[in-house]
Amino acid sequence: MPQRAEVVELIDEARSEVRREQPNRLRLGSVLSGIGTAVQTVAATEAAYHALKAAAAMAGIALP
């Protein structure tokens, strides 16, 4: 996956934000969108992207 270390860093950031008492939805949406874009670029990870998209939707965040 392109920029694997950077994507892992974004995932860690999203986890940290979600665990906050009052997560910043704008920050979370931006991070999840970045993760989604990175994952979407790799055809073999299509299922992972759809799982991420569904999780984001549950948080009220629409991904491309």
PDB file of N, CA and C in Angstrom:
ATOM      1  N   MET A   1       0.856  -1.169   0.000  1.00  0.00           N
ATOM      2  CA  MET A   1       0.000   0.000   0.000  1.00  0.00           C
ATOM      3  C   MET A   1       0.906   1.237   0.000  1.00  0.00           C
ATOM      4  N   PRO A   2       0.588   2.198  -0.827  1.00  0.00           N
ATOM      5  CA  PRO A   2       1.393   3.423  -0.859  1.00  0.00           C
ATOM      6  C   PRO A   2       1.365   4.125   0.495  1.00  0.00           C
ATOM      7  N   GLN A   3       2.501   4.619   0.912  1.00  0.00           N
ATOM      8  CA  GLN A   3       2.611   5.379   2.157  1.00  0.00           C
ATOM      9  C   GLN A   3       2.030   4.628   3.356  1.00  0.00           C
ATOM     10  N   ARG A   4       2.332   3.349   3.444  1.00  0.00           N
ATOM     11  CA  ARG A   4       1.759   2.507   4.507  1.00  0.00           C
ATOM     12  C   ARG A   4       1.958   3.128   5.896  1.00  0.00           C
ATOM     13  N   ALA A   5       3.152   3.574   6.196  1.00  0.00           N
ATOM     14  CA  ALA A   5       3.427   4.146   7.519  1.00  0.00           C
ATOM     15  C   ALA A   5       2.557   5.371   7.773  1.00  0.00           C
ATOM     16  N   GLU A   6       2.336   6.171   6.737  1.00  0.00           N
ATOM     17  CA  GLU A   6       1.506   7.361   6.894  1.00  0.00           C
ATOM     18  C   GLU A   6       0.047   6.994   7.131  1.00  0.00           C
ATOM     19  N   VAL A   7      -0.418   5.954   6.456  1.00  0.00           N
ATOM     20  CA  VAL A   7      -1.798   5.511   6.644  1.00  0.00           C
ATOM     21  C   VAL A   7      -1.978   4.965   8.056  1.00  0.00           C
ATOM     22  N   VAL A   8      -1.011   4.194   8.521  1.00  0.00           N
ATOM     23  CA  VAL A   8      -1.070   3.664   9.890  1.00  0.00           C
ATOM     24  C   VAL A   8      -1.109   4.816  10.893  1.00  0.00           C
ATOM     25  N   GLU A   9      -0.343   5.847  10.645  1.00  0.00           N
ATOM     26  CA  GLU A   9      -0.341   7.029  11.513  1.00  0.00           C
ATOM     27  C   GLU A   9      -1.724   7.689  11.532  1.00  0.00           C
ATOM     28  N   LEU A  10      -2.359   7.777  10.368  1.00  0.00           N
ATOM     29  CA  LEU A  10      -3.706   8.354  10.306  1.00  0.00           C
ATOM     30  C   LEU A  10      -4.716   7.494  11.067  1.00  0.00           C
ATOM     31  N   ILE A  11      -4.575   6.178  10.954  1.00  0.00           N
ATOM     32  CA  ILE A  11      -5.471   5.271  11.675  1.00  0.00           C
ATOM     33  C   ILE A  11      -5.320   5.474  13.176  1.00  0.00           C
ATOM     34  N   ASP A  12      -4.070   5.583  13.639  1.00  0.00           N
ATOM     35  CA  ASP A  12      -3.830   5.832  15.063  1.00  0.00           C
ATOM     36  C   ASP A  12      -4.445   7.157  15.500  1.00  0.00           C
ATOM     37  N   GLU A  13      -4.323   8.160  14.643  1.00  0.00           N
ATOM     38  CA  GLU A  13      -4.905   9.477  14.952  1.00  0.00           C
ATOM     39  C   GLU A  13      -6.429   9.383  15.060  1.00  0.00           C
ATOM     40  N   ALA A  14      -7.043   8.641  14.139  1.00  0.00           N
ATOM     41  CA  ALA A  14      -8.501   8.475  14.168  1.00  0.00           C
ATOM     42  C   ALA A  14      -8.926   7.754  15.442  1.00  0.00           C
ATOM     43  N   ARG A  15      -8.201   6.710  15.811  1.00  0.00           N
ATOM     44  CA  ARG A  15      -8.521   5.982  17.044  1.00  0.00           C
ATOM     45  C   ARG A  15      -8.458   6.905  18.251  1.00  0.00           C
ATOM     46  N   SER A  16      -7.404   7.688  18.320  1.00  0.00           N
ATOM     47  CA  SER A  16      -7.245   8.613  19.444  1.00  0.00           C
ATOM     48  C   SER A  16      -8.386   9.619  19.495  1.00  0.00           C
ATOM     49  N   GLU A  17      -8.757  10.128  18.348  1.00  0.00           N
ATOM     50  CA  GLU A  17      -9.831  11.136  18.293  1.00  0.00           C
ATOM     51  C   GLU A  17     -11.160  10.524  18.715  1.00  0.00           C
ATOM     52  N   VAL A  18     -11.447   9.306  18.271  1.00  0.00           N
ATOM     53  CA  VAL A  18     -12.707   8.641  18.610  1.00  0.00           C
ATOM     54  C   VAL A  18     -12.792   8.389  20.108  1.00  0.00           C
ATOM     55  N   ARG A  19     -11.674   8.130  20.741  1.00  0.00           N
ATOM     56  CA  ARG A  19     -11.654   7.816  22.176  1.00  0.00           C
ATOM     57  C   ARG A  19     -11.802   9.046  23.072  1.00  0.00           C
ATOM     58  N   ARG A  20     -11.690  10.221  22.490  1.00  0.00           N
ATOM     59  CA  ARG A  20     -11.845  11.449  23.280  1.00  0.00           C
ATOM     60  C   ARG A  20     -13.279  11.565  23.795  1.00  0.00           C
ATOM     61  N   GLU A  21     -13.447  12.251  24.905  1.00  0.00           N
ATOM     62  CA  GLU A  21     -14.782  12.437  25.459  1.00  0.00           C
ATOM     63  C   GLU A  21     -15.700  13.148  24.466  1.00  0.00           C
ATOM     64  N   GLN A  22     -15.155  14.151  23.776  1.00  0.00           N
ATOM     65  CA  GLN A  22     -15.918  14.871  22.754  1.00  0.00           C
ATOM     66  C   GLN A  22     -15.058  14.952  21.493  1.00  0.00           C
ATOM     67  N   PRO A  23     -15.128  13.919  20.655  1.00  0.00           N
ATOM     68  CA  PRO A  23     -14.304  13.914  19.444  1.00  0.00           C
ATOM     69  C   PRO A  23     -14.618  15.106  18.539  1.00  0.00           C
ATOM     70  N   ASN A  24     -13.596  15.612  17.905  1.00  0.00           N
ATOM     71  CA  ASN A  24     -13.743  16.688  16.928  1.00  0.00           C
ATOM     72  C   ASN A  24     -14.186  16.039  15.612  1.00  0.00           C
ATOM     73  N   ARG A  25     -15.457  16.206  15.270  1.00  0.00           N
ATOM     74  CA  ARG A  25     -16.015  15.529  14.090  1.00  0.00           C
ATOM     75  C   ARG A  25     -15.360  16.000  12.798  1.00  0.00           C
ATOM     76  N   LEU A  26     -14.982  17.260  12.737  1.00  0.00           N
ATOM     77  CA  LEU A  26     -14.323  17.765  11.538  1.00  0.00           C
ATOM     78  C   LEU A  26     -12.968  17.093  11.356  1.00  0.00           C
ATOM     79  N   ARG A  27     -12.189  17.020  12.422  1.00  0.00           N
ATOM     80  CA  ARG A  27     -10.884  16.362  12.362  1.00  0.00           C
ATOM     81  C   ARG A  27     -11.059  14.877  12.015  1.00  0.00           C
ATOM     82  N   LEU A  28     -12.004  14.226  12.682  1.00  0.00           N
ATOM     83  CA  LEU A  28     -12.238  12.811  12.445  1.00  0.00           C
ATOM     84  C   LEU A  28     -12.658  12.557  10.999  1.00  0.00           C
ATOM     85  N   GLY A  29     -13.535  13.391  10.495  1.00  0.00           N
ATOM     86  CA  GLY A  29     -13.968  13.243   9.098  1.00  0.00           C
ATOM     87  C   GLY A  29     -12.817  13.416   8.133  1.00  0.00           C
ATOM     88  N   SER A  30     -11.956  14.379   8.397  1.00  0.00           N
ATOM     89  CA  SER A  30     -10.800  14.607   7.526  1.00  0.00           C
ATOM     90  C   SER A  30      -9.847  13.421   7.551  1.00  0.00           C
ATOM     91  N   VAL A  31      -9.592  12.916   8.748  1.00  0.00           N
ATOM     92  CA  VAL A  31      -8.678  11.780   8.881  1.00  0.00           C
ATOM     93  C   VAL A  31      -9.268  10.540   8.206  1.00  0.00           C
ATOM     94  N   LEU A  32     -10.548  10.265   8.460  1.00  0.00           N
ATOM     95  CA  LEU A  32     -11.179   9.097   7.841  1.00  0.00           C
ATOM     96  C   LEU A  32     -11.232   9.225   6.322  1.00  0.00           C
ATOM     97  N   SER A  33     -11.453  10.417   5.843  1.00  0.00           N
ATOM     98  CA  SER A  33     -11.460  10.634   4.401  1.00  0.00           C
ATOM     99  C   SER A  33     -10.082  10.361   3.810  1.00  0.00           C
ATOM    100  N   GLY A  34      -9.041  10.819   4.498  1.00  0.00           N
ATOM    101  CA  GLY A  34      -7.677  10.561   4.035  1.00  0.00           C
ATOM    102  C   GLY A  34      -7.359   9.078   4.015  1.00  0.00           C
ATOM    103  N   ILE A  35      -7.779   8.370   5.053  1.00  0.00           N
ATOM    104  CA  ILE A  35      -7.573   6.925   5.104  1.00  0.00           C
ATOM    105  C   ILE A  35      -8.343   6.263   3.966  1.00  0.00           C
ATOM    106  N   GLY A  36      -9.579   6.680   3.800  1.00  0.00           N
ATOM    107  CA  GLY A  36     -10.407   6.097   2.741  1.00  0.00           C
ATOM    108  C   GLY A  36      -9.815   6.299   1.368  1.00  0.00           C
ATOM    109  N   THR A  37      -9.308   7.470   1.105  1.00  0.00           N
ATOM    110  CA  THR A  37      -8.700   7.759  -0.194  1.00  0.00           C
ATOM    111  C   THR A  37      -7.467   6.884  -0.415  1.00  0.00           C
ATOM    112  N   ALA A  38      -6.637   6.750   0.612  1.00  0.00           N
ATOM    113  CA  ALA A  38      -5.427   5.941   0.490  1.00  0.00           C
ATOM    114  C   ALA A  38      -5.761   4.472   0.262  1.00  0.00           C
ATOM    115  N   VAL A  39      -6.726   3.965   1.006  1.00  0.00           N
ATOM    116  CA  VAL A  39      -7.098   2.557   0.879  1.00  0.00           C
ATOM    117  C   VAL A  39      -7.795   2.297  -0.452  1.00  0.00           C
ATOM    118  N   GLN A  40      -8.589   3.244  -0.884  1.00  0.00           N
ATOM    119  CA  GLN A  40      -9.354   3.079  -2.117  1.00  0.00           C
ATOM    120  C   GLN A  40      -8.442   2.942  -3.332  1.00  0.00           C
ATOM    121  N   THR A  41      -7.244   3.477  -3.256  1.00  0.00           N
ATOM    122  CA  THR A  41      -6.341   3.441  -4.406  1.00  0.00           C
ATOM    123  C   THR A  41      -5.785   2.051  -4.679  1.00  0.00           C
ATOM    124  N   VAL A  42      -5.936   1.143  -3.742  1.00  0.00           N
ATOM    125  CA  VAL A  42      -5.413  -0.210  -3.913  1.00  0.00           C
ATOM    126  C   VAL A  42      -6.596  -1.155  -4.124  1.00  0.00           C
ATOM    127  N   ALA A  43      -6.704  -1.722  -5.310  1.00  0.00           N
ATOM    128  CA  ALA A  43      -7.857  -2.556  -5.657  1.00  0.00           C
ATOM    129  C   ALA A  43      -8.011  -3.747  -4.711  1.00  0.00           C
ATOM    130  N   ALA A  44      -6.932  -4.294  -4.230  1.00  0.00           N
ATOM    131  CA  ALA A  44      -6.994  -5.467  -3.363  1.00  0.00           C
ATOM    132  C   ALA A  44      -7.606  -5.157  -2.003  1.00  0.00           C
ATOM    133  N   THR A  45      -7.722  -3.902  -1.674  1.00  0.00           N
ATOM    134  CA  THR A  45      -8.254  -3.536  -0.369  1.00  0.00           C
ATOM    135  C   THR A  45      -9.664  -2.957  -0.468  1.00  0.00           C
ATOM    136  N   GLU A  46     -10.356  -3.277  -1.533  1.00  0.00           N
ATOM    137  CA  GLU A  46     -11.697  -2.747  -1.737  1.00  0.00           C
ATOM    138  C   GLU A  46     -12.623  -3.092  -0.566  1.00  0.00           C
ATOM    139  N   ALA A  47     -12.543  -4.313  -0.061  1.00  0.00           N
ATOM    140  CA  ALA A  47     -13.400  -4.713   1.056  1.00  0.00           C
ATOM    141  C   ALA A  47     -13.087  -3.877   2.298  1.00  0.00           C
ATOM    142  N   ALA A  48     -11.812  -3.592   2.518  1.00  0.00           N
ATOM    143  CA  ALA A  48     -11.424  -2.775   3.677  1.00  0.00           C
ATOM    144  C   ALA A  48     -11.979  -1.358   3.537  1.00  0.00           C
ATOM    145  N   TYR A  49     -11.937  -0.832   2.332  1.00  0.00           N
ATOM    146  CA  TYR A  49     -12.472   0.511   2.103  1.00  0.00           C
ATOM    147  C   TYR A  49     -13.971   0.541   2.402  1.00  0.00           C
ATOM    148  N   HIS A  50     -14.694  -0.462   1.944  1.00  0.00           N
ATOM    149  CA  HIS A  50     -16.139  -0.484   2.175  1.00  0.00           C
ATOM    150  C   HIS A  50     -16.460  -0.631   3.663  1.00  0.00           C
ATOM    151  N   ALA A  51     -15.640  -1.388   4.393  1.00  0.00           N
ATOM    152  CA  ALA A  51     -15.829  -1.507   5.840  1.00  0.00           C
ATOM    153  C   ALA A  51     -15.580  -0.163   6.518  1.00  0.00           C
ATOM    154  N   LEU A  52     -14.533   0.525   6.097  1.00  0.00           N
ATOM    155  CA  LEU A  52     -14.229   1.847   6.637  1.00  0.00           C
ATOM    156  C   LEU A  52     -15.360   2.823   6.325  1.00  0.00           C
ATOM    157  N   LYS A  53     -15.857   2.760   5.109  1.00  0.00           N
ATOM    158  CA  LYS A  53     -16.933   3.652   4.688  1.00  0.00           C
ATOM    159  C   LYS A  53     -18.185   3.424   5.533  1.00  0.00           C
ATOM    160  N   ALA A  54     -18.478   2.149   5.806  1.00  0.00           N
ATOM    161  CA  ALA A  54     -19.645   1.829   6.635  1.00  0.00           C
ATOM    162  C   ALA A  54     -19.452   2.336   8.061  1.00  0.00           C
ATOM    163  N   ALA A  55     -18.243   2.179   8.602  1.00  0.00           N
ATOM    164  CA  ALA A  55     -17.959   2.658   9.953  1.00  0.00           C
ATOM    165  C   ALA A  55     -18.069   4.177  10.027  1.00  0.00           C
ATOM    166  N   ALA A  56     -17.566   4.846   9.016  1.00  0.00           N
ATOM    167  CA  ALA A  56     -17.647   6.307   8.975  1.00  0.00           C
ATOM    168  C   ALA A  56     -19.112   6.747   8.883  1.00  0.00           C
ATOM    169  N   ALA A  57     -19.904   6.026   8.092  1.00  0.00           N
ATOM    170  CA  ALA A  57     -21.321   6.365   7.940  1.00  0.00           C
ATOM    171  C   ALA A  57     -22.049   6.261   9.286  1.00  0.00           C
ATOM    172  N   MET A  58     -21.662   5.287  10.103  1.00  0.00           N
ATOM    173  CA  MET A  58     -22.273   5.145  11.403  1.00  0.00           C
ATOM    174  C   MET A  58     -21.960   6.358  12.288  1.00  0.00           C
ATOM    175  N   ALA A  59     -20.846   7.003  12.016  1.00  0.00           N
ATOM    176  CA  ALA A  59     -20.471   8.212  12.752  1.00  0.00           C
ATOM    177  C   ALA A  59     -21.043   9.465  12.090  1.00  0.00           C
ATOM    178  N   GLY A  60     -21.821   9.267  11.026  1.00  0.00           N
ATOM    179  CA  GLY A  60     -22.428  10.392  10.338  1.00  0.00           C
ATOM    180  C   GLY A  60     -21.500  11.078   9.346  1.00  0.00           C
ATOM    181  N   ILE A  61     -20.453  10.367   8.922  1.00  0.00           N
ATOM    182  CA  ILE A  61     -19.459  10.933   8.006  1.00  0.00           C
ATOM    183  C   ILE A  61     -19.511  10.174   6.685  1.00  0.00           C
ATOM    184  N   ALA A  62     -19.767  10.891   5.593  1.00  0.00           N
ATOM    185  CA  ALA A  62     -19.838  10.278   4.267  1.00  0.00           C
ATOM    186  C   ALA A  62     -18.465  10.328   3.605  1.00  0.00           C
ATOM    187  N   LEU A  63     -18.013   9.178   3.140  1.00  0.00           N
ATOM    188  CA  LEU A  63     -16.746   9.097   2.418  1.00  0.00           C
ATOM    189  C   LEU A  63     -17.025   8.962   0.919  1.00  0.00           C
ATOM    190  N   PRO A  64     -16.053   9.358   0.099  1.00  0.00           N
ATOM    191  CA  PRO A  64     -16.249   9.251  -1.367  1.00  0.00           C
ATOM    192  C   PRO A  64     -16.325   7.806  -1.829  1.00  0.00           C
TER     193      PRO A  64
END
